[in-house]
Every structure is written in structure tokens, then in C-alpha cells.
Amino acid sequence: MNTRNIRLLVMLPMALLLLALGVLGCASSPAPPAPTVQSSPTAIAVPSTVAATPTLPAVTGTETPTPESSPTPEGITPAPAPSLTVAPSSTATTAPSACENNATFVADVTVPDGTPWAPGQDFNKIWRLQNTGTCTWGAGYTFVFVGGDLMGAPQDVAVPATASGATVDLLVAMQAPTTPGRYEGLWRLRTPDGTYFGEEVDVLINVPALAPAPTVATCSGAPVISSFTASSTSISQGQSITLSWGLVGNAQSAVLDNGIGGVATPGSITVTPSSTTTYTLTATCGTATTTAQVTVDVSSTCSGTPVIESFAASPTTIEPGQSSTLSWGLVGNADIATIDNGIGGVATPGSTTVSPSSTTTYTLTGLCGATSTTAQVTISVVSPTATPTAIPPTATPTAVPPTATPTAIPPTATPTAVPPTATPVPPTPTNTPTLTPTPTRTPTLTPTPTNTPTLTPTPTRTPTLTPTPTLTPTTAPTRSHRH
């Protein structure tokens, strides 16, 4: 056995020993990545609450998991995002809370549903409403007709200032139709921006067929009126009463005055007298008549002359199709205030919008018993023809100066200046010494070509100047002699 083999035999066991020691060392050392991998799902499984943060130190039993737990913030980050986003938006939306408009019907102050009216009879319907919202009613709020039968009323009336929780009486002047039947009108409150709100209220009346009492061919003597009464003989301004009558016998006709006319008997009708009024029922048989009367005393809470604080229109001049706003202040010491031209009874103070088709004068009347006070305002409706007149078509032709253009072209001045310069040239050949300055004139004539493009006649004079070169040879020898 040689030396080389001996060395191999010695080194091989040593190498095997070292290898065995290395394997044992690796097997005995702990593997830190294993807990780290197991802890990562645990952190992600903790849902969208910030309470997941304490879980991290519990999982990191070794020193390594702390940097390894980067997935945990990724799972937790989305959770706070929605909560932080929603909170400010809800706060911003609810903070500036606007007031709410609402209204509730309280009572029919006048004209209960089904009230009978004579054809063409005027009456005032009054509703009592309560402001059950949080907004205060005031300027721009209106009580508007929204459907059914208008019955001669305006399309809308102004609503006086009414605080939240308060009640208000809204009066609308109406007229019973002339055709018998059942009529109903619907009304509702509206905000200044045109939004309807509150309960819809109605006015419901009956117009009976009022015919003369049947003719009694065999009547003779005086007619007999069995009864004629009023539901109340003392009322306040704006209230209504019912007139009732029994059978009218031995009569050809029965008629009520104050614009009611012929009636069938027995019967009844509702009226709203504006002042103390006596109603007379007259029965006729041939030339014989019998009458019955009832007086209704209308008391007034005022005395003397009503006072109108103000009455104005804005604007006072409009064009056809445009609108103006009538505004009035408090009408004091008055039972009622009305405006003509179809507006009717109004609450004071108040306002309403009108669109007259022609120049119109509006009259506000305050009434206290039989005493009245009026105020007027005129809205002028002007034709828009003034606008076309404002357009000055004549100014446009005047602004175009066609005469200035021909004047600016001075054809006469240039031709006049050219002939004098050409005329002195022919006499100069007679005097040789005199010709020597002509070269100085030649440069003077050279600028004339600049006038040539402007004036077309000048090229005709150019051939006339061409003979001047014949003079140039004559002067040339003289210059050579001088040299």
C-alpha cells in the first residue's frame, strides 16, 4: 500500500465524521418560518375591526414574526376606510336641515259642504287652516285653485304671515254658477318656488233649479205664505245664513228679492249679506200680492272709515304676456278687503301676481259696514314695438362712406404734375451748356415710376421721355474734352 492510499484511508473517515456532525446540527436547530406562516392567516381572519391589532403580539411568540406580519395591515386597512368616509357625508347632509311646509284643515268657517245657492249668487268661502310645518308662511305663499269648478274665483289669493302652529282664515270670493247642479272646487297651498303642500281642501255647493211656483189657475184672492225665516238674524261680517220658506198657497208665483229671483215652495237658500239686509218673499195671484220679510243684522267689529296702509304694483309697466305683483299693506278698521278685476276678497297684508293683457287699473276696497275706502294702482301694458325702433338701420348705410372712396383717389392731381416736367425737356437741346444739369433732373424723374402703377395714364408719357438718350452722346464728348 503506497502513501497515497494511506492518506485517502485517513481522510475518508474524517470527512464522514464531519458530515454526520453537520446533519445532526441541522436536525437539532428549530425552523422559525413555520410559526410565521401559520400566524399570517390568523391575522387576516380577524375581520374589519381595529381590535385585530392586539392579536399581532399574541401570535409573534418569536422575534421573527413582527416583520413577517406585513399582510395584517393589508387586511385591516380597508376596514376603517368605509367608516371614515360615511361619517362625514352623513354629518354634512343632516347639518343644514331646512324647514318643512305642511298644513292641516281645521274648519269651514263659511259655506259648509252642500250649501245651496241661488244661480249667480255671490258668496265668500272661508277655510280655516293650521300651519303644522316648521316654516313660517309669508310673502310669496299663495292659496291656489287646483281643480274642479272655479266658480268665478281668482286663480290664487295671497296667504298672510302665519307662524308655525298658528291658524289662518283664507277667504275666496266666489259666485254660484247660473246652471243648476252640484259644484266642487279644490284648493291647496303653494310655496314661493311653486311647490304644493298640505291638505287639499274643497268648496262644495248645490245650485237648485229655482222655478216659479206652479200656476194655480183657480187662485183667487190673496196668496198665503205659510212661513219665511232665517237661520240667524244676527251675524258678523263674512258669515252666512239660510233663508227658509214654507208652502206658498193660492199663488201663481213666489219671488225673493236681492237678486235671488223666483223660487219653488217650500225651499231654502244660503246667503252671505255684507251688511244688514232685509229679504222679502212676494207671492202673487193675479193682481193680488202677499209678502213676508226677514231682516238679517250684520254686525261690524269696526266703526268709521277703513284705513289702507299701502297698495302698489311692481313693475308698473310691462309688455303683453309679462306679469306684475300687486302688494298691499294692512287694511285697518275694516270688516273685509277686496280687489276688483276678478281677484275678490283678500287677507291683509298680502300680495298676488297678475298678467293683464292691456293697461288695467286695480282698486283695493276696505269696507266697514256701509263705509268704504279705496286705493288704486295702474299697470300699463305697452307694445314691444319700441324694440325694433331702437335698431338703427339707417345708421348702417350712413356709416358706409361710398363717396369718400372716390374722393380719396386723386387722379387729377398726378396728371397735372407730370406734364410740366415733360415740357421743359424739348427746349434744352438748343443750349449745350444748359444740358449739363439735366442729369440732375433725370434722377428727379426716376421716382415717377412709383406713380406709374397708381396712375395708368403715366406709361403713355414714358415714350416721350425716351428721346433724351440722344442728348446724352452730345454731352459725352464735352465731358471727354474736359478731361
Protein backbone atom coordinates (compact mmCIF):
# COMPACT_ATOMS: atom_id res chain seq x y z
CA MET A 1 0.00 0.00 0.00
CA ASN A 2 1.53 3.26 -1.00
CA THR A 3 1.46 6.59 0.74
CA ARG A 4 -1.38 7.97 -1.38
CA ASN A 5 -3.75 5.23 -0.43
CA ILE A 6 -2.89 5.61 3.21
CA ARG A 7 -3.83 9.31 3.06
CA LEU A 8 -7.15 8.52 1.45
CA LEU A 9 -7.96 5.98 4.12
CA VAL A 10 -7.23 8.50 6.85
CA MET A 11 -9.16 11.44 5.30
CA LEU A 12 -12.28 9.47 4.37
CA PRO A 13 -13.35 8.64 7.96
CA MET A 14 -12.75 12.23 8.98
CA ALA A 15 -14.90 13.52 6.18
CA LEU A 16 -17.71 11.14 7.06
CA LEU A 17 -17.49 12.27 10.69
CA LEU A 18 -17.75 15.94 9.80
CA LEU A 19 -20.70 15.23 7.52
CA ALA A 20 -22.52 13.37 10.26
CA LEU A 21 -21.95 16.18 12.74
CA GLY A 22 -23.34 18.69 10.26
CA VAL A 23 -26.52 16.70 9.67
CA LEU A 24 -27.12 16.37 13.38
CA GLY A 25 -26.63 20.09 13.90
CA CYS A 26 -29.17 20.93 11.23
CA ALA A 27 -31.72 18.49 12.60
CA SER A 28 -31.50 19.89 16.14
CA SER A 29 -31.95 23.62 15.19
CA PRO A 30 -35.62 24.98 15.25
CA ALA A 31 -37.24 26.19 11.99
CA PRO A 32 -38.58 29.76 12.64
CA PRO A 33 -40.52 30.20 9.38
CA ALA A 34 -43.12 27.60 10.37
CA PRO A 35 -44.89 29.67 13.04
CA THR A 36 -44.68 32.75 10.82
CA VAL A 37 -46.63 31.08 8.02
CA GLN A 38 -49.26 29.84 10.47
CA SER A 39 -49.68 33.24 12.08
CA SER A 40 -50.40 35.05 8.84
CA PRO A 41 -53.85 33.51 8.18
CA THR A 42 -54.78 34.09 11.80
CA ALA A 43 -54.22 37.84 11.43
CA ILE A 44 -56.19 38.03 8.17
CA ALA A 45 -59.05 36.05 9.66
CA VAL A 46 -59.59 38.77 12.26
CA PRO A 47 -62.16 40.89 10.43
CA SER A 48 -62.67 44.55 9.85
CA THR A 49 -62.24 45.87 13.40
CA VAL A 50 -59.34 47.68 14.89
CA ALA A 51 -59.37 45.05 17.68
CA ALA A 52 -57.23 42.89 15.36
CA THR A 53 -54.20 44.94 16.43
CA PRO A 54 -53.75 43.21 19.84
CA THR A 55 -53.73 39.82 18.08
CA LEU A 56 -50.37 40.59 16.50
CA PRO A 57 -48.23 40.46 19.65
CA ALA A 58 -50.00 37.26 20.74
CA VAL A 59 -49.03 35.48 17.52
CA THR A 60 -45.47 36.76 17.49
CA GLY A 61 -44.11 34.38 20.08
CA THR A 62 -40.72 34.54 18.41
CA GLU A 63 -38.68 37.53 17.38
CA THR A 64 -39.18 36.95 13.67
CA PRO A 65 -42.99 37.30 13.15
CA THR A 66 -43.05 41.06 13.80
CA PRO A 67 -41.52 41.96 10.41
CA GLU A 68 -43.25 38.98 8.83
CA SER A 69 -46.75 40.28 9.78
CA SER A 70 -46.98 42.73 6.87
CA PRO A 71 -50.15 41.03 5.49
CA THR A 72 -52.00 42.04 8.62
CA PRO A 73 -52.14 45.79 7.80
CA GLU A 74 -53.32 44.87 4.31
CA GLY A 75 -56.35 43.08 5.73
CA ILE A 76 -57.08 45.78 8.28
CA THR A 77 -56.65 48.85 6.05
CA PRO A 78 -60.00 48.54 4.15
CA ALA A 79 -61.99 48.33 7.40
CA PRO A 80 -61.51 51.93 8.65
CA ALA A 81 -61.91 53.38 5.15
CA PRO A 82 -65.70 52.99 4.85
CA SER A 83 -66.38 54.12 8.41
CA LEU A 84 -64.32 57.30 7.94
CA THR A 85 -65.98 58.04 4.58
CA VAL A 86 -69.59 57.56 5.63
CA ALA A 87 -69.39 59.56 8.86
CA PRO A 88 -68.53 62.97 7.31
CA SER A 89 -71.07 62.57 4.47
CA SER A 90 -73.97 61.89 6.82
CA THR A 91 -72.99 64.78 9.06
CA ALA A 92 -72.74 67.20 6.13
CA THR A 93 -76.14 66.15 4.82
CA THR A 94 -78.09 66.44 8.04
CA ALA A 95 -76.45 69.53 9.48
CA PRO A 96 -78.20 72.23 7.39
CA SER A 97 -81.74 70.98 7.99
CA ALA A 98 -84.32 73.07 6.10
CA CYS A 99 -87.75 73.91 7.47
CA GLU A 100 -90.77 71.87 6.41
CA ASN A 101 -94.03 73.15 4.92
CA ASN A 102 -97.27 71.48 5.95
CA ALA A 103 -100.90 72.47 6.59
CA THR A 104 -103.98 70.86 8.10
CA PHE A 105 -107.63 71.69 7.52
CA VAL A 106 -109.39 72.93 10.67
CA ALA A 107 -112.90 74.04 9.70
CA ASP A 108 -115.23 75.54 7.11
CA VAL A 109 -115.83 78.98 8.59
CA THR A 110 -118.45 79.67 5.94
CA VAL A 111 -120.33 77.64 3.31
CA PRO A 112 -120.36 74.08 4.67
CA ASP A 113 -120.33 71.31 2.08
CA GLY A 114 -123.61 71.01 0.19
CA THR A 115 -124.79 74.57 0.86
CA PRO A 116 -127.49 75.60 -1.68
CA TRP A 117 -127.02 78.86 -3.55
CA ALA A 118 -129.26 80.68 -5.98
CA PRO A 119 -127.95 80.83 -9.57
CA GLY A 120 -125.47 83.68 -9.91
CA GLN A 121 -125.43 84.38 -6.15
CA ASP A 122 -122.18 85.88 -4.80
CA PHE A 123 -120.69 84.33 -1.67
CA ASN A 124 -117.44 84.24 0.31
CA LYS A 125 -115.90 80.89 1.13
CA ILE A 126 -113.61 80.92 4.19
CA TRP A 127 -111.39 77.98 5.20
CA ARG A 128 -109.52 77.81 8.50
CA LEU A 129 -106.12 76.10 8.14
CA GLN A 130 -103.34 75.42 10.63
CA ASN A 131 -99.62 75.70 9.89
CA THR A 132 -98.41 72.27 11.04
CA GLY A 133 -94.97 72.62 9.45
CA THR A 134 -91.84 74.34 10.72
CA CYS A 135 -91.69 77.09 8.06
CA THR A 136 -93.35 80.46 8.59
CA TRP A 137 -95.75 81.39 5.80
CA GLY A 138 -95.34 84.86 4.39
CA ALA A 139 -94.60 86.78 1.21
CA GLY A 140 -94.87 84.60 -1.89
CA TYR A 141 -97.09 81.92 -0.30
CA THR A 142 -100.41 81.54 -2.13
CA PHE A 143 -103.69 79.62 -1.81
CA VAL A 144 -104.26 78.19 -5.29
CA PHE A 145 -107.15 76.70 -7.24
CA VAL A 146 -106.03 73.23 -8.34
CA GLY A 147 -109.11 71.62 -9.89
CA GLY A 148 -112.85 71.27 -10.20
CA ASP A 149 -115.11 74.31 -10.60
CA LEU A 150 -113.58 77.77 -10.21
CA MET A 151 -117.00 79.40 -9.69
CA GLY A 152 -115.90 82.92 -10.59
CA ALA A 153 -112.99 82.95 -8.11
CA PRO A 154 -109.43 84.16 -8.83
CA GLN A 155 -106.80 81.54 -9.61
CA ASP A 156 -104.97 82.26 -6.36
CA VAL A 157 -105.00 84.52 -3.30
CA ALA A 158 -102.17 85.68 -1.08
CA VAL A 159 -101.56 83.99 2.26
CA PRO A 160 -100.89 86.32 5.22
CA ALA A 161 -97.92 85.78 7.52
CA THR A 162 -98.60 82.68 9.63
CA ALA A 163 -96.13 81.25 12.14
CA SER A 164 -95.63 77.54 12.71
CA GLY A 165 -98.51 76.19 14.81
CA ALA A 166 -100.80 79.18 14.16
CA THR A 167 -104.11 79.13 12.26
CA VAL A 168 -105.26 81.40 9.45
CA ASP A 169 -108.62 82.10 7.76
CA LEU A 170 -108.37 82.17 3.96
CA LEU A 171 -111.21 83.96 2.16
CA VAL A 172 -112.02 83.50 -1.53
CA ALA A 173 -114.86 85.46 -3.18
CA MET A 174 -116.95 83.23 -5.45
CA GLN A 175 -120.19 83.22 -7.45
CA ALA A 176 -122.62 80.35 -7.85
CA PRO A 177 -122.99 79.16 -11.45
CA THR A 178 -126.21 80.05 -13.24
CA THR A 179 -126.94 76.45 -14.23
CA PRO A 180 -128.49 74.22 -11.56
CA GLY A 181 -126.25 71.41 -10.35
CA ARG A 182 -123.62 70.29 -7.87
CA TYR A 183 -120.29 72.16 -7.99
CA GLU A 184 -116.98 71.49 -6.26
CA GLY A 185 -113.71 73.42 -6.31
CA LEU A 186 -110.35 72.16 -5.00
CA TRP A 187 -107.75 74.43 -3.39
CA ARG A 188 -104.26 73.96 -1.96
CA LEU A 189 -101.36 75.96 -0.51
CA ARG A 190 -98.24 76.67 -2.58
CA THR A 191 -94.73 77.88 -1.64
CA PRO A 192 -92.99 80.79 -3.39
CA ASP A 193 -91.00 78.32 -5.53
CA GLY A 194 -94.21 76.65 -6.79
CA THR A 195 -94.26 73.56 -4.55
CA TYR A 196 -97.72 72.48 -3.36
CA PHE A 197 -98.06 71.29 0.23
CA GLY A 198 -100.60 70.47 2.93
CA GLU A 199 -104.06 69.02 2.68
CA GLU A 200 -106.24 69.70 -0.35
CA VAL A 201 -109.47 71.44 0.70
CA ASP A 202 -112.72 71.90 -1.21
CA VAL A 203 -115.79 74.06 -1.56
CA LEU A 204 -118.97 72.12 -2.38
CA ILE A 205 -122.28 73.82 -3.21
CA ASN A 206 -125.61 72.98 -4.78
CA VAL A 207 -127.44 75.26 -7.19
CA PRO A 208 -131.10 74.21 -7.14
CA ALA A 209 -133.45 74.70 -10.02
CA LEU A 210 -135.38 77.77 -8.94
CA ALA A 211 -138.62 77.87 -10.83
CA PRO A 212 -141.70 79.94 -10.18
CA ALA A 213 -144.34 78.28 -8.09
CA PRO A 214 -146.77 76.27 -10.20
CA THR A 215 -149.53 78.36 -11.65
CA VAL A 216 -152.80 77.96 -9.86
CA ALA A 217 -155.45 78.58 -12.48
CA THR A 218 -158.18 78.67 -9.94
CA CYS A 219 -156.42 81.04 -7.48
CA SER A 220 -158.43 83.96 -6.34
CA GLY A 221 -157.87 86.46 -3.65
CA ALA A 222 -154.70 86.86 -1.64
CA PRO A 223 -151.87 84.24 -1.72
CA VAL A 224 -150.91 82.55 1.53
CA ILE A 225 -147.25 82.29 2.71
CA SER A 226 -147.04 79.63 5.39
CA SER A 227 -143.60 80.69 6.73
CA PHE A 228 -140.44 82.65 5.94
CA THR A 229 -137.48 82.58 8.36
CA ALA A 230 -133.71 82.98 8.64
CA SER A 231 -131.40 80.55 10.46
CA SER A 232 -129.96 83.55 12.28
CA THR A 233 -131.00 87.17 12.26
CA SER A 234 -127.73 88.48 13.69
CA ILE A 235 -124.35 87.58 12.20
CA SER A 236 -120.85 89.02 11.89
CA GLN A 237 -119.31 90.32 8.69
CA GLY A 238 -118.45 87.43 6.32
CA GLN A 239 -120.77 84.86 7.90
CA SER A 240 -123.67 83.14 6.10
CA ILE A 241 -127.29 82.35 6.99
CA THR A 242 -130.00 80.15 5.48
CA LEU A 243 -133.33 81.56 4.39
CA SER A 244 -136.20 79.04 4.53
CA TRP A 245 -139.84 79.28 3.45
CA GLY A 246 -142.84 77.00 3.57
CA LEU A 247 -145.58 76.31 1.06
CA VAL A 248 -146.96 79.35 -0.72
CA GLY A 249 -150.63 78.60 -1.44
CA ASN A 250 -153.19 80.20 -3.72
CA ALA A 251 -150.43 81.87 -5.76
CA GLN A 252 -149.19 81.95 -9.31
CA SER A 253 -145.56 82.74 -8.37
CA ALA A 254 -143.19 83.28 -5.44
CA VAL A 255 -140.16 85.55 -5.76
CA LEU A 256 -137.28 86.52 -3.41
CA ASP A 257 -135.60 89.91 -3.84
CA ASN A 258 -131.89 90.90 -3.52
CA GLY A 259 -131.08 89.12 -6.75
CA ILE A 260 -132.43 85.67 -5.83
CA GLY A 261 -135.49 85.56 -8.08
CA GLY A 262 -138.29 83.04 -8.44
CA VAL A 263 -138.35 80.09 -6.05
CA ALA A 264 -140.19 76.82 -5.73
CA THR A 265 -142.07 76.32 -2.48
CA PRO A 266 -141.26 75.08 0.04
CA GLY A 267 -137.48 75.71 -0.20
CA SER A 268 -134.35 77.25 1.28
CA ILE A 269 -131.19 79.07 0.20
CA THR A 270 -127.93 80.27 1.82
CA VAL A 271 -126.87 83.91 1.60
CA THR A 272 -123.92 85.98 2.88
CA PRO A 273 -125.02 89.59 3.27
CA SER A 274 -122.20 92.12 3.57
CA SER A 275 -124.35 94.49 5.60
CA THR A 276 -127.69 94.49 7.38
CA THR A 277 -130.23 93.29 4.80
CA THR A 278 -133.98 92.75 4.66
CA TYR A 279 -135.16 89.86 2.45
CA THR A 280 -138.71 89.90 1.05
CA LEU A 281 -140.65 86.93 -0.27
CA THR A 282 -143.51 88.01 -2.54
CA ALA A 283 -146.38 85.72 -3.63
CA THR A 284 -148.68 86.80 -6.48
CA CYS A 285 -152.16 85.75 -7.59
CA GLY A 286 -153.24 87.92 -10.48
CA THR A 287 -153.07 91.45 -9.14
CA ALA A 288 -153.12 90.36 -5.51
CA THR A 289 -149.83 90.01 -3.64
CA THR A 290 -148.71 88.82 -0.24
CA THR A 291 -145.27 89.48 1.23
CA ALA A 292 -143.19 88.15 4.10
CA GLN A 293 -139.94 89.68 5.33
CA VAL A 294 -136.94 88.76 7.45
CA THR A 295 -134.12 91.10 8.41
CA VAL A 296 -130.56 89.90 8.99
CA ASP A 297 -128.46 92.25 11.10
CA VAL A 298 -124.79 92.15 10.12
CA SER A 299 -122.66 93.46 12.95
CA SER A 300 -119.31 95.02 12.37
CA THR A 301 -116.25 94.98 14.58
CA CYS A 302 -115.17 98.32 13.17
CA SER A 303 -116.55 101.83 13.14
CA GLY A 304 -115.79 104.77 10.96
CA THR A 305 -113.60 104.76 7.87
CA PRO A 306 -111.27 101.88 6.93
CA VAL A 307 -107.55 102.68 6.62
CA ILE A 308 -105.48 101.20 3.77
CA GLU A 309 -101.80 101.20 4.69
CA SER A 310 -100.42 100.78 1.15
CA PHE A 311 -101.24 99.45 -2.30
CA ALA A 312 -98.59 99.18 -5.05
CA ALA A 313 -97.59 97.25 -8.18
CA SER A 314 -94.12 96.14 -9.25
CA PRO A 315 -93.40 96.78 -12.02
CA THR A 316 -96.00 99.30 -13.12
CA THR A 317 -95.12 98.93 -16.84
CA ILE A 318 -94.99 95.54 -18.58
CA GLU A 319 -95.21 94.06 -22.06
CA PRO A 320 -98.02 91.72 -23.16
CA GLY A 321 -97.56 88.29 -21.58
CA GLN A 322 -95.46 89.59 -18.68
CA SER A 323 -96.54 89.71 -15.02
CA SER A 324 -96.64 92.25 -12.22
CA THR A 325 -97.04 91.78 -8.47
CA LEU A 326 -99.74 93.64 -6.57
CA SER A 327 -98.81 94.21 -2.92
CA TRP A 328 -100.87 95.76 -0.15
CA GLY A 329 -100.34 96.51 3.50
CA LEU A 330 -102.68 96.12 6.43
CA VAL A 331 -106.24 97.33 5.88
CA GLY A 332 -107.26 98.54 9.32
CA ASN A 333 -110.69 99.26 10.80
CA ALA A 334 -112.40 97.13 8.13
CA ASP A 335 -114.61 94.07 8.01
CA ILE A 336 -113.38 92.97 4.62
CA ALA A 337 -110.92 93.94 1.87
CA THR A 338 -111.49 93.17 -1.79
CA ILE A 339 -109.71 93.81 -5.11
CA ASP A 340 -111.63 94.09 -8.36
CA ASN A 341 -110.86 92.60 -11.79
CA GLY A 342 -111.69 89.08 -10.63
CA ILE A 343 -109.41 88.90 -7.58
CA GLY A 344 -112.09 89.17 -4.87
CA GLY A 345 -111.65 89.10 -1.10
CA VAL A 346 -108.09 89.21 0.20
CA ALA A 347 -106.34 88.87 3.53
CA THR A 348 -104.19 91.80 4.58
CA PRO A 349 -101.31 92.35 4.27
CA GLY A 350 -100.73 90.29 1.16
CA SER A 351 -99.75 90.11 -2.50
CA THR A 352 -100.76 88.42 -5.74
CA THR A 353 -99.43 88.13 -9.27
CA VAL A 354 -101.42 89.45 -12.23
CA SER A 355 -100.89 89.39 -16.00
CA PRO A 356 -103.23 91.93 -17.59
CA SER A 357 -103.48 91.86 -21.36
CA SER A 358 -103.99 95.62 -21.54
CA THR A 359 -103.47 98.64 -19.32
CA THR A 360 -105.56 97.98 -16.19
CA THR A 361 -106.38 99.88 -13.01
CA TYR A 362 -106.79 97.74 -9.88
CA THR A 363 -108.87 99.02 -6.95
CA LEU A 364 -108.43 97.81 -3.38
CA THR A 365 -111.54 98.46 -1.27
CA GLY A 366 -111.70 98.33 2.52
CA LEU A 367 -115.26 98.02 3.86
CA CYS A 368 -116.53 98.82 7.34
CA GLY A 369 -120.29 98.36 7.33
CA ALA A 370 -121.54 100.74 4.66
CA THR A 371 -118.38 102.88 4.76
CA SER A 372 -115.59 102.13 2.32
CA THR A 373 -112.08 103.33 1.48
CA THR A 374 -110.34 102.64 -1.83
CA ALA A 375 -106.79 102.72 -3.20
CA GLN A 376 -105.83 102.30 -6.83
CA VAL A 377 -102.80 101.34 -8.88
CA THR A 378 -102.48 101.20 -12.67
CA ILE A 379 -100.36 98.69 -14.59
CA SER A 380 -99.52 99.92 -18.09
CA VAL A 381 -99.17 97.31 -20.81
CA VAL A 382 -97.02 98.67 -23.63
CA SER A 383 -96.40 97.13 -27.02
CA PRO A 384 -92.88 95.86 -27.68
CA THR A 385 -92.72 97.86 -30.95
CA ALA A 386 -90.24 100.20 -29.28
CA THR A 387 -87.56 97.49 -29.54
CA PRO A 388 -87.48 97.40 -33.39
CA THR A 389 -87.39 101.20 -33.40
CA ALA A 390 -84.27 101.11 -31.27
CA ILE A 391 -82.44 99.24 -34.06
CA PRO A 392 -80.99 101.99 -36.30
CA PRO A 393 -80.92 100.53 -39.82
CA THR A 394 -80.28 103.99 -41.29
CA ALA A 395 -77.06 104.29 -39.33
CA THR A 396 -75.52 101.36 -41.19
CA PRO A 397 -75.76 102.91 -44.69
CA THR A 398 -74.59 106.21 -43.25
CA ALA A 399 -71.57 104.55 -41.69
CA VAL A 400 -70.51 103.18 -45.09
CA PRO A 401 -68.87 106.13 -46.85
CA PRO A 402 -69.00 105.23 -50.56
CA THR A 403 -68.41 108.85 -51.55
CA ALA A 404 -65.19 109.00 -49.53
CA THR A 405 -63.57 106.25 -51.61
CA PRO A 406 -63.81 108.06 -54.96
CA THR A 407 -62.71 111.28 -53.26
CA ALA A 408 -59.62 109.55 -51.85
CA ILE A 409 -58.41 108.70 -55.39
CA PRO A 410 -56.85 111.84 -56.75
CA PRO A 411 -56.47 111.15 -60.46
CA THR A 412 -56.43 114.85 -61.39
CA ALA A 413 -53.51 115.86 -59.21
CA THR A 414 -50.97 113.41 -60.66
CA PRO A 415 -51.58 114.07 -64.36
CA THR A 416 -51.36 117.78 -63.71
CA ALA A 417 -47.93 117.40 -62.11
CA VAL A 418 -46.47 115.21 -64.89
CA PRO A 419 -46.93 117.46 -67.96
CA PRO A 420 -44.89 120.39 -66.60
CA THR A 421 -41.83 118.20 -66.09
CA ALA A 422 -42.03 116.79 -69.60
CA THR A 423 -42.50 120.19 -71.29
CA PRO A 424 -39.11 121.73 -70.34
CA VAL A 425 -37.19 118.80 -71.77
CA PRO A 426 -37.54 119.66 -75.53
CA PRO A 427 -36.09 123.19 -75.38
CA THR A 428 -32.94 122.12 -73.53
CA PRO A 429 -31.16 120.56 -76.60
CA THR A 430 -30.55 124.06 -78.09
CA ASN A 431 -28.18 125.04 -75.29
CA THR A 432 -25.38 122.55 -74.78
CA PRO A 433 -24.07 124.00 -71.53
CA THR A 434 -27.62 124.14 -70.22
CA LEU A 435 -27.92 120.40 -70.79
CA THR A 436 -25.33 119.54 -68.22
CA PRO A 437 -27.72 119.97 -65.29
CA THR A 438 -30.27 117.73 -66.98
CA PRO A 439 -28.68 114.63 -65.49
CA THR A 440 -29.71 116.03 -62.13
CA ARG A 441 -33.26 116.25 -63.43
CA THR A 442 -33.12 112.70 -64.66
CA PRO A 443 -32.94 111.29 -61.12
CA THR A 444 -35.79 113.63 -60.28
CA LEU A 445 -37.89 111.96 -62.95
CA THR A 446 -36.96 108.46 -61.89
CA PRO A 447 -39.25 108.48 -58.84
CA THR A 448 -42.18 108.97 -61.18
CA PRO A 449 -42.28 105.25 -61.94
CA THR A 450 -43.59 104.82 -58.41
CA ASN A 451 -46.62 106.80 -59.54
CA THR A 452 -46.87 104.72 -62.67
CA PRO A 453 -48.59 101.72 -61.01
CA THR A 454 -51.01 104.06 -59.30
CA LEU A 455 -51.98 106.02 -62.40
CA THR A 456 -52.38 104.13 -65.63
CA PRO A 457 -52.05 107.21 -67.89
CA THR A 458 -48.36 107.80 -66.95
CA PRO A 459 -46.97 104.96 -69.12
CA THR A 460 -48.07 106.89 -72.21
CA ARG A 461 -45.64 109.68 -71.30
CA THR A 462 -42.68 107.35 -70.90
CA PRO A 463 -42.10 107.09 -74.71
CA THR A 464 -41.98 110.87 -74.86
CA LEU A 465 -39.01 110.88 -72.47
CA THR A 466 -37.06 108.23 -74.41
CA PRO A 467 -35.51 110.75 -76.92
CA THR A 468 -33.43 112.14 -74.08
CA PRO A 469 -30.73 109.49 -74.68
CA THR A 470 -29.91 111.28 -77.96
CA LEU A 471 -28.80 114.19 -75.86
CA THR A 472 -26.55 112.03 -73.77
CA PRO A 473 -23.97 111.39 -76.62
CA THR A 474 -23.81 115.14 -77.21
CA THR A 475 -22.82 115.78 -73.68
CA ALA A 476 -20.44 112.82 -73.53
CA PRO A 477 -17.76 114.38 -75.84
CA THR A 478 -17.86 117.57 -73.91
CA ARG A 479 -17.01 115.63 -70.77
CA SER A 480 -14.12 113.89 -72.58
CA HIS A 481 -12.74 117.26 -73.82
CA ARG A 482 -12.76 118.50 -70.28
CA HIS A 483 -10.68 115.52 -69.22
